[in-house]
Each structure stands twice: as structure tokens, then as C-alpha cells.
């Protein structure tokens, strides 16, 4: 393992960009909504950031608790978190929201995640989208699935598009901190980075 890997772990490259720009700074409280095994928290933990998070997988939460205090991480769904409102300066949602079962579940997950962010705080989100692969995806026939699609790579995901993200930005009471950025991976899947500042 290289020194860089030891220091930064498997941090999302777009989250690393936010660190480089100084938008995530020491002294901020960081909340990872759907933290998994903590791939985005290794550097933050080692640098002394106050980190918190939830995940529905008890094994993942147990693993990530080794990075920080056990009580900072809880086995909970992002739509039903026990952390208080306006709790964190930065909220991370990396590869989480596209696992929504349907429209209602997606909106509940998003509202639950946004709720813990302080006014003026930064929301960093990476999620699957239809952007750039519109002609290669197939909407699932289940009428309750809403925006769930079959992707060329064989996976099923809840997919957003630019129009929906802009609509949600306004409804949430935020504004884009960066233009949306989308990466298309060999016409198999598409991931969009959505970074918002919560209005005061």
C-alpha cells in the first residue's frame, strides 16, 4: 500500500476535490449518511475531524467504529436517523440514494439526510443518474418503482436526471456550490456529483 493510500484510504475523488478547495476544514463536524465501511472517513478520522454516521449494515458500522468513537456511528436507515436536526457542518451521501426502492423512499432518504445538515452547511452527494446513458437504460415495469431502471451493467438503480436535481435543489432550500458533474463509465452506468450549500 502506498503512502497516499494509507493516508487517504479509498476516498471518493470528488470528495477529495472538496477537501483540496478548503470546503471541508478542521473543526467541522462531518456526517456520513450511509457510511458503509468508512471509505470516505479514513483521512478525516486521522486528521482529527469529528466524524459521525449511520448505515443499515451492522457489520459495516462495527468496522467503521474502529475509526472513531463507537457512539458516533449507529445502525440506522438514513430516512429514520436519530441524530438531531442541523447537527453537522458537512453531510456526505456517497452511492446511497440510488438504492431507493421507489419515489417515496428516495424522497424520504433525501429529506432525512438533508435534515441533519446545518444552515450554511455543505451537502456532498454522489448518486447514479440517467445523464449520458438515456438511450441505454430501461425503466422497470413495476408501477411503484418510479424512477428505477435497469442499467446496461445489469444492476437496478433509482436514477435522477439534471432537471430533477435542480428541482430538488430549490425545494430543499439550497443552491449549487459546484456545477453538477457526471461521469459515464463505458456506457454501463453514470454517476453524478451534486454539491449543495444549505441556505441560511
N, C-alpha and C. Protein backbone atom coordinates (compact mmCIF):
# COMPACT_ATOMS: atom_id res chain seq x y z
N UNK A 1 0.85 -1.19 0.00
CA UNK A 1 0.00 0.00 0.00
C UNK A 1 0.89 1.25 0.00
N UNK A 2 0.58 2.20 -0.86
CA UNK A 2 1.38 3.41 -0.94
C UNK A 2 1.06 4.33 0.23
N UNK A 3 1.94 5.32 0.43
CA UNK A 3 1.72 6.29 1.50
C UNK A 3 0.41 7.05 1.29
N UNK A 4 0.10 7.38 0.02
CA UNK A 4 -1.14 8.09 -0.27
C UNK A 4 -2.36 7.25 0.10
N UNK A 5 -2.32 5.96 -0.23
CA UNK A 5 -3.44 5.09 0.11
C UNK A 5 -3.60 4.97 1.62
N UNK A 6 -2.48 4.88 2.32
CA UNK A 6 -2.55 4.78 3.78
C UNK A 6 -3.14 6.04 4.38
N UNK A 7 -2.80 7.17 3.80
CA UNK A 7 -3.26 8.44 4.36
C UNK A 7 -4.71 8.73 4.02
N UNK A 8 -5.10 8.46 2.76
CA UNK A 8 -6.42 8.87 2.30
C UNK A 8 -7.42 7.72 2.15
N UNK A 9 -6.96 6.49 2.25
CA UNK A 9 -7.87 5.37 2.06
C UNK A 9 -8.41 5.36 0.64
N UNK A 10 -9.65 4.91 0.48
CA UNK A 10 -10.29 4.84 -0.84
C UNK A 10 -11.26 6.02 -1.03
N UNK A 11 -10.86 7.19 -0.59
CA UNK A 11 -11.74 8.37 -0.63
C UNK A 11 -12.21 8.65 -2.05
N UNK A 12 -13.47 9.05 -2.18
CA UNK A 12 -14.03 9.44 -3.46
C UNK A 12 -13.23 10.62 -4.01
N UNK A 13 -12.84 10.55 -5.26
CA UNK A 13 -12.01 11.59 -5.85
C UNK A 13 -12.70 12.95 -5.84
N UNK A 14 -14.02 12.96 -5.97
CA UNK A 14 -14.75 14.23 -5.97
C UNK A 14 -14.88 14.81 -4.56
N UNK A 15 -14.90 13.95 -3.57
CA UNK A 15 -14.86 14.42 -2.19
C UNK A 15 -13.46 14.97 -1.88
N UNK A 16 -12.44 14.30 -2.38
CA UNK A 16 -11.07 14.79 -2.23
C UNK A 16 -10.93 16.20 -2.80
N UNK A 17 -11.60 16.45 -3.92
CA UNK A 17 -11.61 17.78 -4.53
C UNK A 17 -12.18 18.83 -3.58
N UNK A 18 -13.22 18.48 -2.84
CA UNK A 18 -13.80 19.42 -1.87
C UNK A 18 -12.80 19.72 -0.75
N UNK A 19 -12.05 18.72 -0.33
CA UNK A 19 -11.00 18.93 0.67
C UNK A 19 -9.92 19.87 0.13
N UNK A 20 -9.49 19.63 -1.09
CA UNK A 20 -8.44 20.46 -1.68
C UNK A 20 -8.87 21.92 -1.78
N UNK A 21 -10.16 22.16 -1.98
CA UNK A 21 -10.66 23.53 -2.11
C UNK A 21 -10.96 24.18 -0.76
N UNK A 22 -10.73 23.45 0.31
CA UNK A 22 -10.91 24.02 1.64
C UNK A 22 -12.34 24.10 2.11
N UNK A 23 -13.24 23.41 1.42
CA UNK A 23 -14.66 23.46 1.82
C UNK A 23 -14.94 22.53 3.01
N UNK A 24 -14.05 21.60 3.24
CA UNK A 24 -14.14 20.72 4.40
C UNK A 24 -12.88 20.96 5.21
N UNK A 25 -13.03 21.64 6.32
CA UNK A 25 -11.87 22.13 7.07
C UNK A 25 -11.88 21.59 8.50
N UNK A 26 -10.70 21.51 9.12
CA UNK A 26 -10.61 21.06 10.51
C UNK A 26 -11.54 21.87 11.41
N UNK A 27 -12.14 21.17 12.36
CA UNK A 27 -13.09 21.80 13.27
C UNK A 27 -14.54 21.60 12.85
N UNK A 28 -14.75 21.15 11.60
CA UNK A 28 -16.11 20.89 11.13
C UNK A 28 -16.57 19.52 11.59
N UNK A 29 -17.86 19.41 11.84
CA UNK A 29 -18.47 18.11 12.17
C UNK A 29 -18.96 17.47 10.88
N UNK A 30 -18.45 16.27 10.61
CA UNK A 30 -18.75 15.57 9.36
C UNK A 30 -19.70 14.42 9.64
N UNK A 31 -20.74 14.32 8.82
CA UNK A 31 -21.74 13.25 8.98
C UNK A 31 -21.83 12.45 7.68
N UNK A 32 -21.62 11.15 7.76
CA UNK A 32 -21.69 10.29 6.58
C UNK A 32 -22.99 9.48 6.65
N UNK A 33 -23.94 9.85 5.80
CA UNK A 33 -25.25 9.21 5.77
C UNK A 33 -25.21 8.02 4.82
N UNK A 34 -24.99 6.84 5.39
CA UNK A 34 -24.77 5.64 4.59
C UNK A 34 -23.28 5.40 4.47
N UNK A 35 -22.61 5.33 5.61
CA UNK A 35 -21.15 5.36 5.67
C UNK A 35 -20.48 4.09 5.16
N UNK A 36 -21.23 2.97 5.07
CA UNK A 36 -20.60 1.73 4.66
C UNK A 36 -19.44 1.40 5.59
N UNK A 37 -18.33 0.98 5.00
CA UNK A 37 -17.15 0.61 5.78
C UNK A 37 -16.20 1.79 5.99
N UNK A 38 -16.67 2.99 5.68
CA UNK A 38 -15.91 4.18 6.02
C UNK A 38 -14.86 4.61 5.02
N UNK A 39 -15.04 4.25 3.77
CA UNK A 39 -14.02 4.58 2.76
C UNK A 39 -13.73 6.07 2.67
N UNK A 40 -14.74 6.92 2.94
CA UNK A 40 -14.54 8.36 2.86
C UNK A 40 -14.15 8.99 4.19
N UNK A 41 -13.96 8.18 5.20
CA UNK A 41 -13.71 8.73 6.54
C UNK A 41 -12.30 8.48 7.06
N UNK A 42 -11.50 7.70 6.35
CA UNK A 42 -10.16 7.33 6.83
C UNK A 42 -9.31 8.58 7.07
N UNK A 43 -9.18 9.42 6.05
CA UNK A 43 -8.37 10.63 6.18
C UNK A 43 -8.95 11.56 7.23
N UNK A 44 -10.28 11.77 7.19
CA UNK A 44 -10.92 12.69 8.13
C UNK A 44 -10.70 12.25 9.57
N UNK A 45 -10.77 10.97 9.80
CA UNK A 45 -10.54 10.45 11.15
C UNK A 45 -9.10 10.67 11.58
N UNK A 46 -8.17 10.38 10.71
CA UNK A 46 -6.75 10.52 11.06
C UNK A 46 -6.35 11.97 11.28
N UNK A 47 -7.07 12.88 10.63
CA UNK A 47 -6.75 14.30 10.78
C UNK A 47 -7.50 14.94 11.94
N UNK A 48 -8.22 14.14 12.70
CA UNK A 48 -8.87 14.65 13.90
C UNK A 48 -10.22 15.31 13.71
N UNK A 49 -10.83 15.13 12.54
CA UNK A 49 -12.18 15.66 12.35
C UNK A 49 -13.15 14.91 13.27
N UNK A 50 -14.22 15.58 13.64
CA UNK A 50 -15.29 14.95 14.42
C UNK A 50 -16.23 14.29 13.41
N UNK A 51 -16.23 12.96 13.37
CA UNK A 51 -16.99 12.25 12.35
C UNK A 51 -18.10 11.41 12.97
N UNK A 52 -19.22 11.37 12.26
CA UNK A 52 -20.41 10.65 12.69
C UNK A 52 -21.01 9.97 11.46
N UNK A 53 -21.89 9.00 11.69
CA UNK A 53 -22.55 8.40 10.55
C UNK A 53 -23.52 7.30 10.91
N UNK A 54 -24.25 6.87 9.90
CA UNK A 54 -25.18 5.76 10.03
C UNK A 54 -25.04 4.85 8.83
N UNK A 55 -25.43 3.61 9.03
CA UNK A 55 -25.56 2.64 7.94
C UNK A 55 -26.49 1.55 8.43
N UNK A 56 -27.20 0.91 7.50
CA UNK A 56 -28.11 -0.16 7.88
C UNK A 56 -27.40 -1.49 8.11
N UNK A 57 -26.16 -1.59 7.70
CA UNK A 57 -25.39 -2.83 7.81
C UNK A 57 -24.63 -2.85 9.13
N UNK A 58 -25.01 -3.70 10.09
CA UNK A 58 -24.33 -3.74 11.38
C UNK A 58 -22.84 -4.06 11.26
N UNK A 59 -22.46 -4.91 10.30
CA UNK A 59 -21.04 -5.24 10.12
C UNK A 59 -20.26 -4.01 9.67
N UNK A 60 -20.84 -3.22 8.77
CA UNK A 60 -20.17 -2.01 8.30
C UNK A 60 -20.01 -1.02 9.45
N UNK A 61 -21.05 -0.85 10.24
CA UNK A 61 -20.98 0.09 11.36
C UNK A 61 -19.93 -0.36 12.37
N UNK A 62 -19.88 -1.64 12.65
CA UNK A 62 -18.87 -2.16 13.58
C UNK A 62 -17.47 -1.88 13.05
N UNK A 63 -17.26 -2.04 11.75
CA UNK A 63 -15.94 -1.79 11.16
C UNK A 63 -15.57 -0.31 11.24
N UNK A 64 -16.52 0.56 10.93
CA UNK A 64 -16.21 1.99 10.89
C UNK A 64 -16.06 2.57 12.29
N UNK A 65 -16.63 1.92 13.29
CA UNK A 65 -16.47 2.39 14.66
C UNK A 65 -15.01 2.34 15.11
N UNK A 66 -14.20 1.55 14.45
CA UNK A 66 -12.78 1.49 14.79
C UNK A 66 -12.06 2.78 14.42
N UNK A 67 -12.68 3.59 13.54
CA UNK A 67 -12.09 4.86 13.15
C UNK A 67 -12.34 5.95 14.17
N UNK A 68 -13.41 5.82 14.93
CA UNK A 68 -13.82 6.89 15.83
C UNK A 68 -14.60 6.29 16.99
N UNK A 69 -15.14 7.16 17.82
CA UNK A 69 -15.90 6.71 18.99
C UNK A 69 -17.11 5.89 18.55
N UNK A 70 -17.36 4.80 19.26
CA UNK A 70 -18.43 3.88 18.88
C UNK A 70 -19.79 4.56 18.82
N UNK A 71 -20.04 5.47 19.77
CA UNK A 71 -21.36 6.10 19.83
C UNK A 71 -21.59 7.07 18.67
N UNK A 72 -20.54 7.39 17.93
CA UNK A 72 -20.70 8.30 16.79
C UNK A 72 -21.35 7.63 15.58
N UNK A 73 -21.37 6.29 15.58
CA UNK A 73 -21.90 5.56 14.44
C UNK A 73 -23.02 4.63 14.88
N UNK A 74 -24.11 4.69 14.16
CA UNK A 74 -25.31 3.95 14.56
C UNK A 74 -25.85 3.13 13.40
N UNK A 75 -26.46 2.00 13.74
CA UNK A 75 -27.12 1.15 12.74
C UNK A 75 -28.53 1.71 12.54
N UNK A 76 -28.68 2.51 11.50
CA UNK A 76 -29.95 3.18 11.24
C UNK A 76 -30.10 3.43 9.74
N UNK A 77 -31.34 3.54 9.30
CA UNK A 77 -31.63 3.94 7.92
C UNK A 77 -31.53 5.46 7.83
N UNK A 78 -31.07 5.96 6.69
CA UNK A 78 -30.89 7.41 6.57
C UNK A 78 -32.22 8.17 6.64
N UNK A 79 -33.31 7.49 6.29
CA UNK A 79 -34.61 8.17 6.36
C UNK A 79 -35.19 8.19 7.77
N UNK A 80 -34.53 7.52 8.71
CA UNK A 80 -35.06 7.45 10.09
C UNK A 80 -33.92 7.56 11.10
N UNK A 81 -33.04 8.54 10.90
CA UNK A 81 -31.88 8.70 11.79
C UNK A 81 -32.28 9.35 13.10
N UNK A 82 -31.59 8.96 14.17
CA UNK A 82 -31.88 9.50 15.50
C UNK A 82 -31.03 10.73 15.83
N UNK A 83 -30.15 11.13 14.95
CA UNK A 83 -29.36 12.34 15.17
C UNK A 83 -30.25 13.57 15.04
N UNK A 84 -29.94 14.64 15.77
CA UNK A 84 -30.82 15.82 15.75
C UNK A 84 -30.72 16.62 14.46
N UNK A 85 -31.69 17.51 14.29
CA UNK A 85 -31.68 18.44 13.16
C UNK A 85 -30.45 19.34 13.24
N UNK A 86 -30.00 19.81 12.07
CA UNK A 86 -28.92 20.79 11.99
C UNK A 86 -27.72 20.38 12.83
N UNK A 87 -27.32 19.14 12.69
CA UNK A 87 -26.29 18.53 13.53
C UNK A 87 -24.88 18.72 12.97
N UNK A 88 -24.74 18.71 11.64
CA UNK A 88 -23.42 18.62 11.02
C UNK A 88 -23.13 19.80 10.09
N UNK A 89 -21.84 20.11 9.98
CA UNK A 89 -21.38 21.15 9.06
C UNK A 89 -21.29 20.62 7.63
N UNK A 90 -20.99 19.34 7.51
CA UNK A 90 -20.87 18.68 6.20
C UNK A 90 -21.60 17.35 6.27
N UNK A 91 -22.43 17.08 5.28
CA UNK A 91 -23.10 15.78 5.19
C UNK A 91 -22.69 15.11 3.89
N UNK A 92 -22.25 13.87 4.01
CA UNK A 92 -21.84 13.08 2.85
C UNK A 92 -22.92 12.04 2.54
N UNK A 93 -23.21 11.89 1.26
CA UNK A 93 -24.12 10.85 0.80
C UNK A 93 -23.50 10.28 -0.47
N UNK A 94 -22.69 9.26 -0.30
CA UNK A 94 -21.91 8.73 -1.42
C UNK A 94 -22.41 7.34 -1.81
N UNK A 95 -23.01 7.26 -3.01
CA UNK A 95 -23.52 6.00 -3.55
C UNK A 95 -24.54 5.36 -2.61
N UNK A 96 -25.52 6.18 -2.18
CA UNK A 96 -26.55 5.73 -1.24
C UNK A 96 -27.96 5.91 -1.83
N UNK A 97 -28.27 7.11 -2.28
CA UNK A 97 -29.65 7.42 -2.66
C UNK A 97 -30.16 6.60 -3.83
N UNK A 98 -29.27 6.11 -4.68
CA UNK A 98 -29.75 5.33 -5.84
C UNK A 98 -30.22 3.93 -5.46
N UNK A 99 -30.13 3.58 -4.17
CA UNK A 99 -30.70 2.30 -3.72
C UNK A 99 -32.15 2.44 -3.26
N UNK A 100 -32.73 3.62 -3.45
CA UNK A 100 -34.13 3.82 -3.08
C UNK A 100 -35.02 2.83 -3.82
N UNK A 101 -36.05 2.34 -3.11
CA UNK A 101 -36.96 1.36 -3.69
C UNK A 101 -37.93 1.99 -4.68
N UNK A 102 -38.30 3.24 -4.42
CA UNK A 102 -39.29 3.93 -5.25
C UNK A 102 -39.19 5.42 -4.96
N UNK A 103 -40.10 6.20 -5.54
CA UNK A 103 -40.06 7.66 -5.38
C UNK A 103 -40.20 8.07 -3.92
N UNK A 104 -41.16 7.49 -3.21
CA UNK A 104 -41.38 7.86 -1.81
C UNK A 104 -40.15 7.56 -0.96
N UNK A 105 -39.54 6.42 -1.19
CA UNK A 105 -38.35 6.05 -0.43
C UNK A 105 -37.20 7.01 -0.74
N UNK A 106 -37.02 7.35 -2.00
CA UNK A 106 -35.96 8.29 -2.37
C UNK A 106 -36.14 9.62 -1.65
N UNK A 107 -37.34 10.15 -1.70
CA UNK A 107 -37.57 11.47 -1.07
C UNK A 107 -37.42 11.39 0.45
N UNK A 108 -37.82 10.29 1.04
CA UNK A 108 -37.63 10.12 2.49
C UNK A 108 -36.15 10.05 2.84
N UNK A 109 -35.37 9.33 2.04
CA UNK A 109 -33.93 9.24 2.27
C UNK A 109 -33.27 10.60 2.13
N UNK A 110 -33.65 11.33 1.09
CA UNK A 110 -33.06 12.65 0.86
C UNK A 110 -33.42 13.62 1.97
N UNK A 111 -34.69 13.66 2.36
CA UNK A 111 -35.11 14.57 3.43
C UNK A 111 -34.43 14.22 4.75
N UNK A 112 -34.32 12.92 5.03
CA UNK A 112 -33.66 12.50 6.26
C UNK A 112 -32.20 12.91 6.30
N UNK A 113 -31.53 12.83 5.16
CA UNK A 113 -30.13 13.21 5.06
C UNK A 113 -29.96 14.73 5.18
N UNK A 114 -30.80 15.46 4.48
CA UNK A 114 -30.72 16.94 4.48
C UNK A 114 -31.04 17.50 5.87
N UNK A 115 -31.90 16.85 6.60
CA UNK A 115 -32.35 17.34 7.91
C UNK A 115 -31.20 17.55 8.90
N UNK A 116 -30.18 16.70 8.84
CA UNK A 116 -29.10 16.78 9.83
C UNK A 116 -28.05 17.83 9.47
N UNK A 117 -28.19 18.48 8.31
CA UNK A 117 -27.23 19.49 7.87
C UNK A 117 -27.58 20.86 8.44
N UNK A 118 -26.58 21.55 8.97
CA UNK A 118 -26.78 22.90 9.50
C UNK A 118 -27.04 23.90 8.36
N UNK A 119 -27.79 24.96 8.63
CA UNK A 119 -27.88 26.05 7.65
C UNK A 119 -26.48 26.57 7.34
N UNK A 120 -26.21 26.78 6.07
CA UNK A 120 -24.88 27.19 5.65
C UNK A 120 -23.93 26.03 5.42
N UNK A 121 -24.38 24.81 5.74
CA UNK A 121 -23.53 23.63 5.63
C UNK A 121 -23.43 23.10 4.21
N UNK A 122 -22.49 22.17 4.02
CA UNK A 122 -22.20 21.60 2.70
C UNK A 122 -22.76 20.19 2.60
N UNK A 123 -23.50 19.95 1.52
CA UNK A 123 -24.04 18.63 1.22
C UNK A 123 -23.30 18.08 0.01
N UNK A 124 -22.60 16.96 0.19
CA UNK A 124 -21.87 16.31 -0.89
C UNK A 124 -22.57 15.01 -1.22
N UNK A 125 -23.02 14.89 -2.46
CA UNK A 125 -23.77 13.70 -2.85
C UNK A 125 -23.25 13.15 -4.19
N UNK A 126 -23.04 11.83 -4.21
CA UNK A 126 -22.74 11.12 -5.46
C UNK A 126 -23.83 10.07 -5.62
N UNK A 127 -24.46 10.05 -6.77
CA UNK A 127 -25.55 9.09 -6.98
C UNK A 127 -25.66 8.75 -8.45
N UNK A 128 -26.26 7.61 -8.71
CA UNK A 128 -26.46 7.17 -10.10
C UNK A 128 -27.48 8.07 -10.79
N UNK A 129 -27.26 8.30 -12.06
CA UNK A 129 -28.17 9.12 -12.83
C UNK A 129 -28.35 8.54 -14.23
N UNK A 130 -29.30 9.12 -14.95
CA UNK A 130 -29.52 8.71 -16.34
C UNK A 130 -28.75 9.58 -17.32
N UNK A 131 -28.05 10.58 -16.81
CA UNK A 131 -27.38 11.56 -17.65
C UNK A 131 -26.30 10.89 -18.51
N UNK A 132 -26.44 11.04 -19.81
CA UNK A 132 -25.47 10.49 -20.74
C UNK A 132 -25.72 9.06 -21.17
N UNK A 133 -26.66 8.38 -20.51
CA UNK A 133 -26.96 7.00 -20.90
C UNK A 133 -28.47 6.80 -21.11
N UNK A 134 -29.14 7.88 -21.43
CA UNK A 134 -30.60 7.84 -21.56
C UNK A 134 -31.09 6.75 -22.51
N UNK A 135 -30.36 6.49 -23.57
CA UNK A 135 -30.79 5.50 -24.57
C UNK A 135 -30.35 4.08 -24.26
N UNK A 136 -29.68 3.90 -23.13
CA UNK A 136 -29.16 2.57 -22.79
C UNK A 136 -29.77 1.99 -21.52
N UNK A 137 -30.76 2.68 -20.97
CA UNK A 137 -31.39 2.20 -19.74
C UNK A 137 -32.83 1.82 -20.02
N UNK A 138 -33.39 0.99 -19.16
CA UNK A 138 -34.77 0.52 -19.34
C UNK A 138 -35.53 0.70 -18.04
N UNK A 139 -36.61 1.47 -18.12
CA UNK A 139 -37.43 1.69 -16.92
C UNK A 139 -38.09 0.38 -16.51
N UNK A 140 -38.06 0.09 -15.22
CA UNK A 140 -38.69 -1.13 -14.72
C UNK A 140 -40.20 -1.01 -14.84
N UNK A 141 -40.86 -2.11 -15.13
CA UNK A 141 -42.29 -2.07 -15.42
C UNK A 141 -43.16 -1.92 -14.19
N UNK A 142 -42.64 -2.21 -13.00
CA UNK A 142 -43.41 -2.08 -11.77
C UNK A 142 -43.88 -0.63 -11.62
N UNK A 143 -45.16 -0.43 -11.57
CA UNK A 143 -45.71 0.92 -11.47
C UNK A 143 -45.30 1.66 -10.22
N UNK A 144 -44.87 0.94 -9.18
CA UNK A 144 -44.46 1.57 -7.93
C UNK A 144 -42.98 1.89 -7.91
N UNK A 145 -42.26 1.49 -8.94
CA UNK A 145 -40.80 1.67 -8.93
C UNK A 145 -40.40 3.11 -9.20
N UNK A 146 -41.29 3.88 -9.85
CA UNK A 146 -40.97 5.27 -10.13
C UNK A 146 -39.80 5.38 -11.08
N UNK A 147 -38.69 5.89 -10.59
CA UNK A 147 -37.53 6.15 -11.42
C UNK A 147 -36.48 5.04 -11.32
N UNK A 148 -36.90 3.82 -11.05
CA UNK A 148 -35.95 2.70 -11.03
C UNK A 148 -35.77 2.15 -12.45
N UNK A 149 -34.51 1.92 -12.79
CA UNK A 149 -34.17 1.48 -14.14
C UNK A 149 -33.22 0.29 -14.09
N UNK A 150 -33.23 -0.47 -15.17
CA UNK A 150 -32.22 -1.50 -15.41
C UNK A 150 -31.10 -0.85 -16.20
N UNK A 151 -29.87 -0.94 -15.69
CA UNK A 151 -28.71 -0.35 -16.34
C UNK A 151 -28.02 -1.37 -17.25
N UNK A 152 -27.22 -0.90 -18.21
CA UNK A 152 -26.50 -1.82 -19.09
C UNK A 152 -25.59 -2.80 -18.35
N UNK A 153 -25.11 -2.42 -17.15
CA UNK A 153 -24.24 -3.34 -16.40
C UNK A 153 -25.02 -4.42 -15.66
N UNK A 154 -26.37 -4.42 -15.82
CA UNK A 154 -27.21 -5.45 -15.21
C UNK A 154 -27.76 -5.08 -13.85
N UNK A 155 -27.33 -3.94 -13.29
CA UNK A 155 -27.83 -3.53 -11.97
C UNK A 155 -29.13 -2.74 -12.13
N UNK A 156 -29.88 -2.66 -11.03
CA UNK A 156 -31.09 -1.86 -10.98
C UNK A 156 -30.85 -0.71 -10.00
N UNK A 157 -31.14 0.50 -10.44
CA UNK A 157 -30.89 1.68 -9.62
C UNK A 157 -32.02 2.69 -9.78
N UNK A 158 -32.19 3.51 -8.76
CA UNK A 158 -33.07 4.67 -8.83
C UNK A 158 -32.23 5.77 -9.48
N UNK A 159 -32.67 6.26 -10.63
CA UNK A 159 -31.87 7.22 -11.40
C UNK A 159 -32.50 8.60 -11.41
N UNK A 160 -31.68 9.60 -11.15
CA UNK A 160 -32.09 11.00 -11.24
C UNK A 160 -31.61 11.55 -12.57
N UNK A 161 -32.06 12.75 -12.90
CA UNK A 161 -31.53 13.48 -14.05
C UNK A 161 -31.30 14.92 -13.63
N UNK A 162 -30.73 15.72 -14.52
CA UNK A 162 -30.37 17.10 -14.16
C UNK A 162 -31.59 17.92 -13.77
N UNK A 163 -32.69 17.75 -14.48
CA UNK A 163 -33.89 18.54 -14.19
C UNK A 163 -34.40 18.23 -12.78
N UNK A 164 -34.41 16.96 -12.41
CA UNK A 164 -34.88 16.60 -11.07
C UNK A 164 -33.94 17.16 -10.00
N UNK A 165 -32.65 17.06 -10.21
CA UNK A 165 -31.71 17.58 -9.21
C UNK A 165 -31.85 19.09 -9.04
N UNK A 166 -32.07 19.81 -10.11
CA UNK A 166 -32.27 21.25 -9.99
C UNK A 166 -33.57 21.57 -9.26
N UNK A 167 -34.61 20.81 -9.54
CA UNK A 167 -35.89 20.99 -8.85
C UNK A 167 -35.72 20.71 -7.36
N UNK A 168 -35.03 19.64 -7.03
CA UNK A 168 -34.82 19.28 -5.62
C UNK A 168 -33.95 20.30 -4.90
N UNK A 169 -32.97 20.85 -5.61
CA UNK A 169 -32.11 21.88 -5.01
C UNK A 169 -32.96 23.04 -4.51
N UNK A 170 -33.90 23.47 -5.33
CA UNK A 170 -34.78 24.58 -4.95
C UNK A 170 -35.72 24.18 -3.82
N UNK A 171 -36.32 22.98 -3.93
CA UNK A 171 -37.28 22.53 -2.92
C UNK A 171 -36.62 22.35 -1.55
N UNK A 172 -35.39 21.89 -1.53
CA UNK A 172 -34.69 21.67 -0.27
C UNK A 172 -34.33 22.98 0.42
N UNK A 173 -34.17 24.04 -0.36
CA UNK A 173 -33.70 25.29 0.20
C UNK A 173 -32.18 25.35 0.19
N UNK A 174 -31.62 25.07 -0.97
CA UNK A 174 -30.18 25.11 -1.11
C UNK A 174 -29.81 25.71 -2.45
N UNK A 175 -28.51 25.79 -2.71
CA UNK A 175 -28.04 26.24 -4.01
C UNK A 175 -26.80 25.45 -4.38
N UNK A 176 -26.56 25.33 -5.67
CA UNK A 176 -25.40 24.58 -6.14
C UNK A 176 -24.12 25.27 -5.71
N UNK A 177 -23.25 24.52 -5.06
CA UNK A 177 -21.92 25.02 -4.72
C UNK A 177 -20.96 24.81 -5.89
N UNK A 178 -21.23 23.79 -6.67
CA UNK A 178 -20.47 23.48 -7.89
C UNK A 178 -21.47 23.14 -8.99
N UNK A 179 -21.08 23.30 -10.25
CA UNK A 179 -21.92 22.73 -11.32
C UNK A 179 -21.97 21.22 -11.14
N UNK A 180 -23.08 20.62 -11.53
CA UNK A 180 -23.17 19.16 -11.47
C UNK A 180 -22.15 18.54 -12.41
N UNK A 181 -21.53 17.45 -11.96
CA UNK A 181 -20.54 16.75 -12.78
C UNK A 181 -20.97 15.29 -12.90
N UNK A 182 -20.93 14.77 -14.11
CA UNK A 182 -21.35 13.40 -14.35
C UNK A 182 -20.25 12.62 -15.05
N UNK A 183 -20.02 11.42 -14.55
CA UNK A 183 -19.05 10.51 -15.15
C UNK A 183 -19.80 9.32 -15.73
N UNK A 184 -19.64 9.07 -17.02
CA UNK A 184 -20.23 7.90 -17.67
C UNK A 184 -19.13 6.85 -17.78
N UNK A 185 -19.39 5.68 -17.22
CA UNK A 185 -18.40 4.61 -17.19
C UNK A 185 -18.67 3.62 -18.32
N UNK A 186 -17.98 3.81 -19.43
CA UNK A 186 -18.07 2.92 -20.61
C UNK A 186 -19.50 2.57 -21.00
N UNK A 187 -20.38 3.55 -20.94
CA UNK A 187 -21.78 3.36 -21.31
C UNK A 187 -22.47 2.25 -20.52
N UNK A 188 -21.95 1.97 -19.33
CA UNK A 188 -22.54 0.95 -18.47
C UNK A 188 -23.34 1.55 -17.32
N UNK A 189 -22.85 2.66 -16.81
CA UNK A 189 -23.53 3.35 -15.71
C UNK A 189 -23.06 4.80 -15.68
N UNK A 190 -23.78 5.62 -14.95
CA UNK A 190 -23.49 7.04 -14.90
C UNK A 190 -23.60 7.51 -13.45
N UNK A 191 -22.58 8.24 -12.97
CA UNK A 191 -22.59 8.74 -11.60
C UNK A 191 -22.48 10.26 -11.63
N UNK A 192 -23.37 10.92 -10.90
CA UNK A 192 -23.41 12.38 -10.87
C UNK A 192 -23.01 12.88 -9.48
N UNK A 193 -22.20 13.94 -9.47
CA UNK A 193 -21.81 14.60 -8.22
C UNK A 193 -22.66 15.85 -8.07
N UNK A 194 -23.34 15.95 -6.94
CA UNK A 194 -24.30 17.02 -6.66
C UNK A 194 -23.88 17.65 -5.33
N UNK A 195 -23.36 18.85 -5.39
CA UNK A 195 -22.82 19.52 -4.20
C UNK A 195 -23.63 20.79 -3.94
N UNK A 196 -24.26 20.85 -2.78
CA UNK A 196 -25.13 21.96 -2.42
C UNK A 196 -24.65 22.66 -1.16
N UNK A 197 -25.02 23.92 -1.06
CA UNK A 197 -24.87 24.69 0.18
C UNK A 197 -26.28 24.93 0.70
N UNK A 198 -26.52 24.61 1.97
CA UNK A 198 -27.85 24.81 2.55
C UNK A 198 -28.05 26.26 2.89
N UNK A 199 -29.10 26.86 2.37
CA UNK A 199 -29.36 28.27 2.62
C UNK A 199 -29.65 28.52 4.10
N UNK A 200 -29.22 29.67 4.56
CA UNK A 200 -29.43 30.05 5.97
C UNK A 200 -30.85 30.57 6.18
